[in-house]
């Protein structure tokens, strides 16, 4: 019991009561957005803290954290049915860090990384079984699992560089690689 009291006292001294209780998210709909900055509707001061937007009372549409009114950290958006649609990382309102997107049926759609708002490093996109079967349903019953790679390459400062590889579905099932697209070489790190 004495140890618990000591931990409580240390927590209060280090960060006050807020450090011991997680902050409840603010409804994004209750904030005012002006030029990409979310403001408190009463004070018009930039909001800081976790936020959530809902499809209804039980399903999350969007969630993340704002710092001085701008996205900061991981921001997630969800489809109406509740599946994760996009997870992206921000730093002071600018995309900066990894992201992943998903198709409605749950397969990954693309993934990569941003640096200061520009795509940077490896990038990969994927086919959706629903998309490929809609065009070739009677030709491609054996295509394989959702998430077959559609494109793979590298970005530097938002521009594709080096060789990019692409695959397309073929009649009868499977994937066929296309000739690589060749962009200017990627800069050495």
Foldseek 3Di string as FASTA:
>chain_A
DVVVVVVVVVQCVPPRPCSVDADDAAEQVQWDDDPQFTAHPPPRWGDFFKYFHAPDPPATQKIATDDRRAGAAWIWGADPVRHTAKIFHDHNRATAFKMWGADPVGATAKIAGDHRRATFFKIWGFAACVVQCVVQVVFAPPADDGGHTAKIFGDDRRHTAAWMKGWDADGNYYIDIDDIDHHHHDDDD
